[in-house]
Amino acid sequence: MKIIIDAMGGDNAPLAFLDSGFRAARELGVEVVLVGRTEALLKLMKEQGIETLPKGVELMDAEQVVDMHDDPATVVRAKKESSMVKGLKLLADGGGDAFVSAGSTGGLLSAATLVVKRVRGIRRAAFGPTIPTKTGNLILIDSGANVECTPEFLLQFGCMGSFSAKLNLGIENPRVALLNNGAEDSKGDPLHKEAYQLLKEAGDKGVINFIGNIEGREAMLGDCDVLVADGFSGNVFLKGAEGTAMFLGSLVKRTLLKNWKTKLGALLLKKDLKQAMAVMDYRRVGGTMLLGISKPVIKAHGSADAEAAFGAIKQAVAAVDAGVCQAIADNIDHMILPREA
């Protein structure tokens, strides 16, 4: 298996992906292609006392870098020599099995769609991050790639999320729910009412295990495995969950450092608290797969350090092994409305 890595994307590039790429070749037994400014990568290697590339690692030169200020719509045309675009072209041409980047989210979405292309029949690719809940994990789809959606988009999100949960998370019959402002089937605006009916039809046909509408609170308590949302609502949900986790973490820390008694309690609970906080550590997962693209493309967190970057690479390996892209392609007939087929 060969993993292509955008070595120049993200706040901590290229060091984070140089270290994690070497580690992946060593620990995961995969081949790695680091795409970026070769001169800068070789200089970093020398600074760390590494004279030659580790076995299984190769460099691909790319002088340009896609940054956050670049217009996503013009990235492919304006920055053909960037590490992101060259890496995606290598993936599209069969030079690797998956691609990982911590670069611009909009740029990656646009470039992956234009270069690697969507699975035939998929209307929009979507981000499907894994989020910890009270009882395990759920896949949120979409988390921000598509602000404006149609009911068919949400139907496809539900199906793609279900395949991902089954193949990546090992959930035999994932519970798929539609994020809404109430559990009743009459809730929501016209978009969500029509999407509800489409998802219900897919559930009646046995394509997915659709359990109906759900509110954000119940989702975080573990009442579903796949949370379907338009990109606007999904992103608000995601950022709200992240902010709540950060607030609770700071509240617990402040409480435990309040006086000598609480500090003693914190010392006794140190191991357990560390394990609890690890559940909310985004570095465990490292990134999110861009579902709907014909080959695995993983978006790592923009601030990914070496540990988070390694997590994203592991996710890429898992995506290839699971065959999510092929599962989506094999089931596309269930995700296209008859009037548009």
Protein backbone atom coordinates (compact mmCIF):
# COMPACT_ATOMS: atom_id res chain seq x y z
CA MET A 1 0.00 0.00 0.00
CA LYS A 2 1.25 3.48 -0.86
CA ILE A 3 0.12 6.64 0.94
CA ILE A 4 0.68 10.03 -0.71
CA ILE A 5 1.23 12.89 1.74
CA ASP A 6 1.02 16.64 1.20
CA ALA A 7 4.14 17.49 3.21
CA MET A 8 3.60 21.27 2.95
CA GLY A 9 0.00 21.57 4.13
CA GLY A 10 -0.94 22.74 7.64
CA ASP A 11 0.45 24.93 10.40
CA ASN A 12 3.21 22.50 11.39
CA ALA A 13 4.36 21.46 7.93
CA PRO A 14 6.66 20.13 6.77
CA LEU A 15 8.13 18.77 10.02
CA ALA A 16 4.90 17.15 11.25
CA PHE A 17 4.44 15.14 8.06
CA LEU A 18 8.10 14.35 7.63
CA ASP A 19 8.18 12.74 11.09
CA SER A 20 4.81 11.02 10.73
CA GLY A 21 5.61 9.80 7.21
CA PHE A 22 8.81 8.16 8.39
CA ARG A 23 6.96 6.66 11.33
CA ALA A 24 4.23 5.28 9.07
CA ALA A 25 6.76 3.54 6.85
CA ARG A 26 8.45 2.08 9.92
CA GLU A 27 5.45 1.07 12.04
CA LEU A 28 2.65 0.51 9.52
CA GLY A 29 4.73 -1.13 6.81
CA VAL A 30 3.35 1.12 4.07
CA GLU A 31 5.14 2.96 1.30
CA VAL A 32 5.05 6.75 1.63
CA VAL A 33 5.40 9.53 -0.93
CA LEU A 34 6.12 12.93 0.62
CA VAL A 35 5.13 15.66 -1.84
CA GLY A 36 6.69 19.06 -1.22
CA ARG A 37 9.76 21.23 -1.51
CA THR A 38 12.51 18.64 -1.68
CA GLU A 39 15.21 21.07 -0.60
CA ALA A 40 13.32 21.98 2.57
CA LEU A 41 12.59 18.33 3.38
CA LEU A 42 16.20 17.25 2.92
CA LYS A 43 17.36 20.16 5.09
CA LEU A 44 15.01 19.05 7.88
CA MET A 45 16.33 15.52 7.61
CA LYS A 46 19.92 16.70 8.04
CA GLU A 47 18.95 18.83 11.03
CA GLN A 48 17.64 15.64 12.66
CA GLY A 49 20.77 13.71 11.76
CA ILE A 50 19.10 11.66 9.02
CA GLU A 51 21.32 11.31 5.97
CA THR A 52 19.25 9.00 3.77
CA LEU A 53 15.56 8.37 3.23
CA PRO A 54 14.16 5.46 5.27
CA LYS A 55 13.13 2.33 3.41
CA GLY A 56 9.74 2.76 1.79
CA VAL A 57 9.84 6.57 1.68
CA GLU A 58 10.29 8.68 -1.44
CA LEU A 59 10.12 12.39 -2.18
CA MET A 60 8.23 14.12 -4.97
CA ASP A 61 9.21 17.72 -5.64
CA ALA A 62 6.53 20.43 -5.61
CA GLU A 63 7.60 24.05 -5.37
CA GLN A 64 4.21 25.67 -4.74
CA VAL A 65 2.03 25.53 -1.62
CA VAL A 66 -1.74 25.99 -1.37
CA ASP A 67 -2.42 28.35 1.54
CA MET A 68 -5.56 29.53 3.30
CA HIS A 69 -5.77 32.70 1.21
CA ASP A 70 -5.96 30.91 -2.13
CA ASP A 71 -9.33 30.84 -3.89
CA PRO A 72 -10.48 27.20 -3.69
CA ALA A 73 -12.17 27.45 -7.09
CA THR A 74 -8.91 28.31 -8.86
CA VAL A 75 -6.41 26.17 -6.93
CA VAL A 76 -6.07 23.48 -9.61
CA ARG A 77 -5.48 26.02 -12.36
CA ALA A 78 -3.43 28.59 -10.43
CA LYS A 79 -1.22 26.21 -8.47
CA LYS A 80 -0.57 23.22 -10.69
CA GLU A 81 2.87 22.75 -9.11
CA SER A 82 1.62 22.74 -5.53
CA SER A 83 2.11 19.79 -3.19
CA MET A 84 -1.67 19.40 -2.89
CA VAL A 85 -2.47 19.35 -6.60
CA LYS A 86 0.54 17.23 -7.59
CA GLY A 87 -0.25 14.73 -4.86
CA LEU A 88 -3.88 14.45 -5.92
CA LYS A 89 -2.83 13.99 -9.57
CA LEU A 90 -0.50 11.21 -8.50
CA LEU A 91 -3.43 9.54 -6.70
CA ALA A 92 -5.71 9.96 -9.72
CA ASP A 93 -3.06 8.45 -12.01
CA GLY A 94 -2.72 5.35 -9.84
CA GLY A 95 0.56 6.33 -8.20
CA GLY A 96 -0.78 5.66 -4.72
CA ASP A 97 -3.75 4.32 -2.78
CA ALA A 98 -4.75 7.31 -0.63
CA PHE A 99 -3.89 10.98 -0.11
CA VAL A 100 -3.46 12.94 3.14
CA SER A 101 -3.32 16.73 3.53
CA ALA A 102 -3.66 19.25 6.34
CA GLY A 103 -3.89 22.11 3.84
CA SER A 104 -6.78 24.42 2.97
CA THR A 105 -10.12 22.66 3.45
CA GLY A 106 -11.79 24.47 0.57
CA GLY A 107 -8.78 23.97 -1.66
CA LEU A 108 -8.66 20.25 -0.92
CA LEU A 109 -12.39 19.79 -1.54
CA SER A 110 -12.20 21.64 -4.85
CA ALA A 111 -8.98 19.99 -6.04
CA ALA A 112 -10.08 16.47 -5.04
CA THR A 113 -13.38 16.96 -6.88
CA LEU A 114 -11.72 18.24 -10.05
CA VAL A 115 -8.64 15.99 -10.10
CA VAL A 116 -9.59 12.69 -8.44
CA LYS A 117 -13.32 13.23 -9.13
CA ARG A 118 -16.41 12.06 -7.33
CA VAL A 119 -17.87 8.56 -7.49
CA ARG A 120 -20.12 8.53 -10.55
CA GLY A 121 -23.61 9.59 -9.42
CA ILE A 122 -22.56 11.31 -6.20
CA ARG A 123 -23.78 14.91 -6.33
CA ARG A 124 -21.48 16.36 -3.67
CA ALA A 125 -18.57 15.01 -1.65
CA ALA A 126 -18.86 15.56 2.10
CA PHE A 127 -16.69 15.54 5.19
CA GLY A 128 -17.54 12.77 7.65
CA PRO A 129 -15.52 13.23 10.87
CA THR A 130 -15.75 10.74 13.73
CA ILE A 131 -17.02 12.33 16.96
CA PRO A 132 -16.88 10.73 20.42
CA THR A 133 -20.21 10.28 22.21
CA LYS A 134 -21.34 8.93 25.57
CA THR A 135 -21.56 5.39 24.22
CA GLY A 136 -18.90 5.32 21.49
CA ASN A 137 -18.52 7.27 18.27
CA LEU A 138 -20.67 8.73 15.53
CA ILE A 139 -19.97 9.94 12.01
CA LEU A 140 -21.19 13.46 11.30
CA ILE A 141 -21.89 14.05 7.60
CA ASP A 142 -21.68 16.78 6.35
CA SER A 143 -19.55 18.88 8.71
CA GLY A 144 -19.08 21.92 6.49
CA ALA A 145 -18.30 21.11 2.86
CA ASN A 146 -21.82 21.87 1.56
CA VAL A 147 -23.58 24.81 3.16
CA GLU A 148 -26.53 24.64 0.77
CA CYS A 149 -28.01 21.19 0.18
CA THR A 150 -30.86 19.44 -1.59
CA PRO A 151 -32.84 16.52 -0.13
CA GLU A 152 -30.93 14.16 -2.45
CA PHE A 153 -27.61 15.37 -1.04
CA LEU A 154 -28.80 14.45 2.46
CA LEU A 155 -29.97 11.03 1.24
CA GLN A 156 -26.52 10.39 -0.21
CA PHE A 157 -24.84 11.65 2.96
CA GLY A 158 -26.88 9.18 4.99
CA CYS A 159 -25.90 6.26 2.76
CA MET A 160 -22.22 7.21 2.55
CA GLY A 161 -22.08 7.74 6.32
CA SER A 162 -23.69 4.35 6.91
CA PHE A 163 -21.14 2.55 4.72
CA SER A 164 -18.30 4.40 6.46
CA ALA A 165 -19.61 3.55 9.94
CA LYS A 166 -19.97 -0.09 9.02
CA LEU A 167 -16.61 -0.49 7.30
CA ASN A 168 -14.45 1.95 9.27
CA LEU A 169 -15.99 1.78 12.74
CA GLY A 170 -17.08 -1.85 12.61
CA ILE A 171 -20.75 -1.13 13.43
CA GLU A 172 -22.79 -3.92 11.88
CA ASN A 173 -26.06 -2.03 11.40
CA PRO A 174 -25.37 1.71 11.91
CA ARG A 175 -28.27 3.81 13.17
CA VAL A 176 -28.71 6.75 10.80
CA ALA A 177 -30.48 9.88 12.05
CA LEU A 178 -31.27 13.30 10.56
CA LEU A 179 -30.19 16.31 12.62
CA ASN A 180 -33.31 18.39 13.23
CA ASN A 181 -34.99 20.69 15.73
CA GLY A 182 -37.17 17.89 17.06
CA ALA A 183 -37.69 14.14 16.83
CA GLU A 184 -41.17 14.26 15.27
CA ASP A 185 -41.37 13.51 11.54
CA SER A 186 -43.23 16.81 11.01
CA LYS A 187 -40.33 18.92 12.27
CA GLY A 188 -38.03 21.07 10.21
CA ASP A 189 -38.08 23.20 7.07
CA PRO A 190 -39.02 21.86 3.60
CA LEU A 191 -35.45 20.60 3.03
CA HIS A 192 -35.46 18.45 6.16
CA LYS A 193 -39.04 17.24 5.70
CA GLU A 194 -38.30 15.98 2.19
CA ALA A 195 -34.92 14.56 3.23
CA TYR A 196 -36.69 12.71 6.04
CA GLN A 197 -38.98 11.00 3.52
CA LEU A 198 -36.08 10.00 1.25
CA LEU A 199 -34.08 8.59 4.15
CA LYS A 200 -37.17 6.76 5.41
CA GLU A 201 -37.69 5.18 1.97
CA ALA A 202 -34.05 4.08 1.95
CA GLY A 203 -34.60 2.60 5.40
CA ASP A 204 -37.78 0.78 4.30
CA LYS A 205 -35.81 -0.75 1.42
CA GLY A 206 -33.11 -1.96 3.82
CA VAL A 207 -30.38 0.23 2.32
CA ILE A 208 -29.76 1.96 5.66
CA ASN A 209 -31.05 1.69 9.21
CA PHE A 210 -32.84 5.04 9.42
CA ILE A 211 -34.19 5.83 12.90
CA GLY A 212 -35.68 9.26 12.17
CA ASN A 213 -34.98 12.80 13.32
CA ILE A 214 -32.72 13.54 16.25
CA GLU A 215 -31.68 16.58 18.24
CA GLY A 216 -28.04 17.43 18.91
CA ARG A 217 -28.33 16.55 22.59
CA GLU A 218 -29.46 12.98 21.95
CA ALA A 219 -26.79 12.54 19.26
CA MET A 220 -24.04 13.35 21.75
CA LEU A 221 -25.59 10.90 24.23
CA GLY A 222 -25.02 8.13 21.70
CA ASP A 223 -28.51 7.62 20.29
CA CYS A 224 -27.23 7.31 16.69
CA ASP A 225 -24.14 6.17 14.81
CA VAL A 226 -24.47 8.42 11.75
CA LEU A 227 -25.69 12.00 12.03
CA VAL A 228 -26.88 13.46 8.72
CA ALA A 229 -26.80 17.24 8.32
CA ASP A 230 -26.45 19.97 5.76
CA GLY A 231 -22.98 21.51 5.93
CA PHE A 232 -24.16 24.65 7.75
CA SER A 233 -26.01 22.83 10.53
CA GLY A 234 -23.34 20.14 10.77
CA ASN A 235 -20.55 22.68 11.17
CA VAL A 236 -22.49 24.56 13.86
CA PHE A 237 -23.09 21.26 15.67
CA LEU A 238 -19.42 20.27 15.41
CA LYS A 239 -18.05 23.62 16.61
CA GLY A 240 -20.60 23.70 19.43
CA ALA A 241 -19.51 20.24 20.58
CA GLU A 242 -15.84 21.23 20.41
CA GLY A 243 -16.49 24.42 22.38
CA THR A 244 -18.49 22.56 25.03
CA ALA A 245 -15.69 20.01 25.43
CA MET A 246 -13.11 22.80 25.81
CA PHE A 247 -15.29 24.60 28.35
CA LEU A 248 -15.88 21.46 30.42
CA GLY A 249 -12.18 20.63 30.31
CA SER A 250 -11.23 24.08 31.62
CA LEU A 251 -13.98 23.91 34.26
CA VAL A 252 -12.76 20.56 35.56
CA LYS A 253 -9.16 21.81 35.62
CA ARG A 254 -10.11 24.98 37.47
CA THR A 255 -12.15 23.00 39.99
CA LEU A 256 -9.38 20.47 40.64
CA LEU A 257 -6.81 23.22 41.25
CA LYS A 258 -9.06 25.18 43.59
CA ASN A 259 -7.41 24.19 46.91
CA TRP A 260 -5.18 21.56 48.49
CA LYS A 261 -8.04 19.06 48.90
CA THR A 262 -9.07 19.22 45.25
CA LYS A 263 -5.40 19.09 44.20
CA LEU A 264 -4.97 15.91 46.23
CA GLY A 265 -8.06 14.46 44.55
CA ALA A 266 -6.66 15.43 41.15
CA LEU A 267 -3.42 13.62 41.96
CA LEU A 268 -5.33 10.47 42.91
CA LEU A 269 -7.45 10.69 39.75
CA LYS A 270 -4.64 11.71 37.41
CA LYS A 271 -4.58 8.47 35.40
CA ASP A 272 -8.37 8.28 35.06
CA LEU A 273 -8.65 11.95 34.12
CA LYS A 274 -5.95 11.53 31.48
CA GLN A 275 -7.87 8.61 29.94
CA ALA A 276 -11.10 10.61 29.96
CA MET A 277 -9.50 13.61 28.25
CA ALA A 278 -7.91 11.35 25.64
CA VAL A 279 -11.41 10.53 24.38
CA MET A 280 -11.78 14.15 23.26
CA ASP A 281 -8.29 14.43 21.76
CA TYR A 282 -8.66 14.99 18.00
CA ARG A 283 -5.17 13.59 17.46
CA ARG A 284 -6.49 10.05 18.05
CA VAL A 285 -8.40 10.20 14.77
CA GLY A 286 -6.19 12.74 13.04
CA GLY A 287 -8.53 13.71 10.25
CA THR A 288 -11.66 13.05 8.27
CA MET A 289 -12.27 11.21 5.02
CA LEU A 290 -13.78 13.15 2.14
CA LEU A 291 -16.66 10.79 1.40
CA GLY A 292 -17.89 10.62 -2.19
CA ILE A 293 -14.49 11.02 -3.85
CA SER A 294 -13.53 8.02 -5.99
CA LYS A 295 -10.34 7.32 -4.02
CA PRO A 296 -9.53 7.88 -0.32
CA VAL A 297 -8.69 11.50 0.45
CA ILE A 298 -8.09 12.37 4.11
CA LYS A 299 -8.24 15.91 5.48
CA ALA A 300 -5.98 16.25 8.52
CA HIS A 301 -6.55 19.02 11.06
CA GLY A 302 -4.90 22.28 10.00
CA SER A 303 -2.97 22.47 13.26
CA ALA A 304 -1.97 18.79 13.17
CA ASP A 305 1.27 17.97 14.97
CA ALA A 306 3.26 14.81 14.26
CA GLU A 307 0.93 12.69 16.41
CA ALA A 308 -2.23 13.96 14.70
CA ALA A 309 -0.59 13.63 11.28
CA PHE A 310 0.23 9.99 12.07
CA GLY A 311 -3.41 9.49 13.07
CA ALA A 312 -4.51 10.85 9.70
CA ILE A 313 -2.15 8.48 7.90
CA LYS A 314 -3.51 5.54 9.90
CA GLN A 315 -7.00 6.63 8.90
CA ALA A 316 -5.92 6.62 5.24
CA VAL A 317 -4.60 3.08 5.61
CA ALA A 318 -7.85 1.99 7.27
CA ALA A 319 -9.91 3.61 4.50
CA VAL A 320 -8.02 1.69 1.83
CA ASP A 321 -8.38 -1.58 3.73
CA ALA A 322 -12.10 -1.00 4.38
CA GLY A 323 -12.96 -0.24 0.74
CA VAL A 324 -15.41 2.57 1.55
CA CYS A 325 -15.06 4.22 -1.87
CA GLN A 326 -15.91 0.97 -3.63
CA ALA A 327 -18.87 0.35 -1.32
CA ILE A 328 -20.29 3.77 -2.23
CA ALA A 329 -19.80 3.08 -5.94
CA ASP A 330 -21.42 -0.35 -5.65
CA ASN A 331 -24.54 1.09 -4.01
CA ILE A 332 -24.97 4.29 -6.01
CA ASP A 333 -28.27 3.11 -7.54
CA HIS A 334 -29.90 3.46 -4.12
CA MET A 335 -28.74 7.05 -3.77
CA ILE A 336 -30.04 8.68 -6.97
CA LEU A 337 -33.61 9.89 -7.21
CA PRO A 338 -35.53 8.12 -10.02
CA ARG A 339 -36.43 11.42 -11.71
CA GLU A 340 -32.73 12.34 -11.96
CA ALA A 341 -31.24 8.92 -12.69
